[in-house]
Amino acid sequence: MVKMVFKSFLAGVVGAGLFFSFFMSISIAVMAIKTRLASPSVYTRSVEVTPGAFFQQVGLPLSGVAFTVFFAMGMRRFRRLGADSTRSR
């Protein structure tokens, strides 16, 4: 039981980490495009994006949800695998 929870915890951490890394890269790009389009000069070469508050308010709760989903999926998967291995004995 402890081994199954530990494996599910690791699956949740890895899944949430992957989700957040992809979410960060996509949201920084979207924020940069949005900032560039909102600037008065069309020929602006560089923009400054500070996504810290956005990641705290939106990204962190979404990562918590992703962790919960991946943890539940891991529990379900590892419980099924554990039940299959005990039947074969």
Protein backbone atom coordinates (compact mmCIF):
# COMPACT_ATOMS: atom_id res chain seq x y z
CA MET A 1 0.00 0.00 0.00
CA VAL A 2 2.79 2.44 0.92
CA LYS A 3 4.67 1.54 -2.25
CA MET A 4 1.55 2.24 -4.34
CA VAL A 5 1.04 5.64 -2.68
CA PHE A 6 4.72 6.51 -3.17
CA LYS A 7 4.58 5.57 -6.86
CA SER A 8 1.38 7.59 -7.28
CA PHE A 9 2.98 10.56 -5.52
CA LEU A 10 5.94 10.40 -7.91
CA ALA A 11 3.57 10.15 -10.87
CA GLY A 12 1.73 13.22 -9.58
CA VAL A 13 4.93 15.24 -9.12
CA VAL A 14 6.27 14.30 -12.56
CA GLY A 15 2.92 14.96 -14.24
CA ALA A 16 2.46 18.32 -12.52
CA GLY A 17 6.05 19.28 -13.36
CA LEU A 18 5.58 18.44 -17.03
CA PHE A 19 2.27 20.29 -17.10
CA PHE A 20 3.75 23.38 -15.48
CA SER A 21 6.79 23.45 -17.77
CA PHE A 22 4.60 23.36 -20.88
CA PHE A 23 2.15 25.82 -19.32
CA MET A 24 5.01 28.23 -18.53
CA SER A 25 6.43 28.18 -22.03
CA ILE A 26 3.05 28.67 -23.68
CA SER A 27 1.86 31.38 -21.30
CA ILE A 28 5.10 33.39 -21.55
CA ALA A 29 4.82 33.36 -25.34
CA VAL A 30 1.15 34.39 -25.23
CA MET A 31 1.88 37.15 -22.71
CA ALA A 32 4.73 38.48 -24.87
CA ILE A 33 2.52 38.55 -27.98
CA LYS A 34 -0.27 40.21 -26.03
CA THR A 35 2.12 42.84 -24.63
CA ARG A 36 3.64 43.48 -28.04
CA LEU A 37 0.21 43.92 -29.66
CA ALA A 38 -0.90 46.25 -26.86
CA SER A 39 2.13 48.54 -27.25
CA PRO A 40 1.55 51.77 -29.19
CA SER A 41 4.49 51.18 -31.51
CA VAL A 42 4.12 48.34 -33.98
CA TYR A 43 7.90 48.17 -34.46
CA THR A 44 8.74 47.32 -30.85
CA ARG A 45 11.58 44.81 -30.93
CA SER A 46 11.59 43.67 -27.32
CA VAL A 47 9.02 43.53 -24.59
CA GLU A 48 9.31 42.95 -20.88
CA VAL A 49 7.10 40.23 -19.48
CA THR A 50 6.84 39.57 -15.74
CA PRO A 51 4.75 36.43 -15.35
CA GLY A 52 5.39 35.86 -11.64
CA ALA A 53 2.02 37.05 -10.38
CA PHE A 54 0.22 35.21 -13.19
CA PHE A 55 1.97 31.95 -12.30
CA GLN A 56 1.11 32.37 -8.63
CA GLN A 57 -2.55 33.17 -9.25
CA VAL A 58 -3.28 30.85 -12.18
CA GLY A 59 -0.39 28.44 -12.69
CA LEU A 60 -0.05 27.21 -9.12
CA PRO A 61 -3.73 26.22 -8.72
CA LEU A 62 -3.67 24.57 -12.15
CA SER A 63 -0.56 22.64 -11.15
CA GLY A 64 -2.32 21.54 -7.97
CA VAL A 65 -5.22 20.26 -10.03
CA ALA A 66 -2.79 18.52 -12.41
CA PHE A 67 -1.03 16.88 -9.44
CA THR A 68 -4.34 15.64 -8.07
CA VAL A 69 -5.40 14.24 -11.44
CA PHE A 70 -2.08 12.48 -12.04
CA PHE A 71 -2.00 11.17 -8.46
CA ALA A 72 -5.50 9.72 -8.86
CA MET A 73 -4.59 8.21 -12.22
CA GLY A 74 -1.48 6.69 -10.69
CA MET A 75 -3.42 5.24 -7.75
CA ARG A 76 -5.91 3.71 -10.14
CA ARG A 77 -3.22 2.31 -12.42
CA PHE A 78 -0.97 0.96 -9.67
CA ARG A 79 -3.92 -0.52 -7.75
CA ARG A 80 -4.95 -2.40 -10.89
CA LEU A 81 -1.38 -3.59 -11.48
CA GLY A 82 -1.08 -4.69 -7.84
CA ALA A 83 -4.33 -6.64 -8.03
CA ASP A 84 -3.20 -8.36 -11.23
CA SER A 85 0.12 -9.41 -9.70
CA THR A 86 -1.55 -10.93 -6.62
CA ARG A 87 -3.98 -12.94 -8.77
CA SER A 88 -1.18 -14.62 -10.69
CA ARG A 89 0.39 -16.03 -7.52
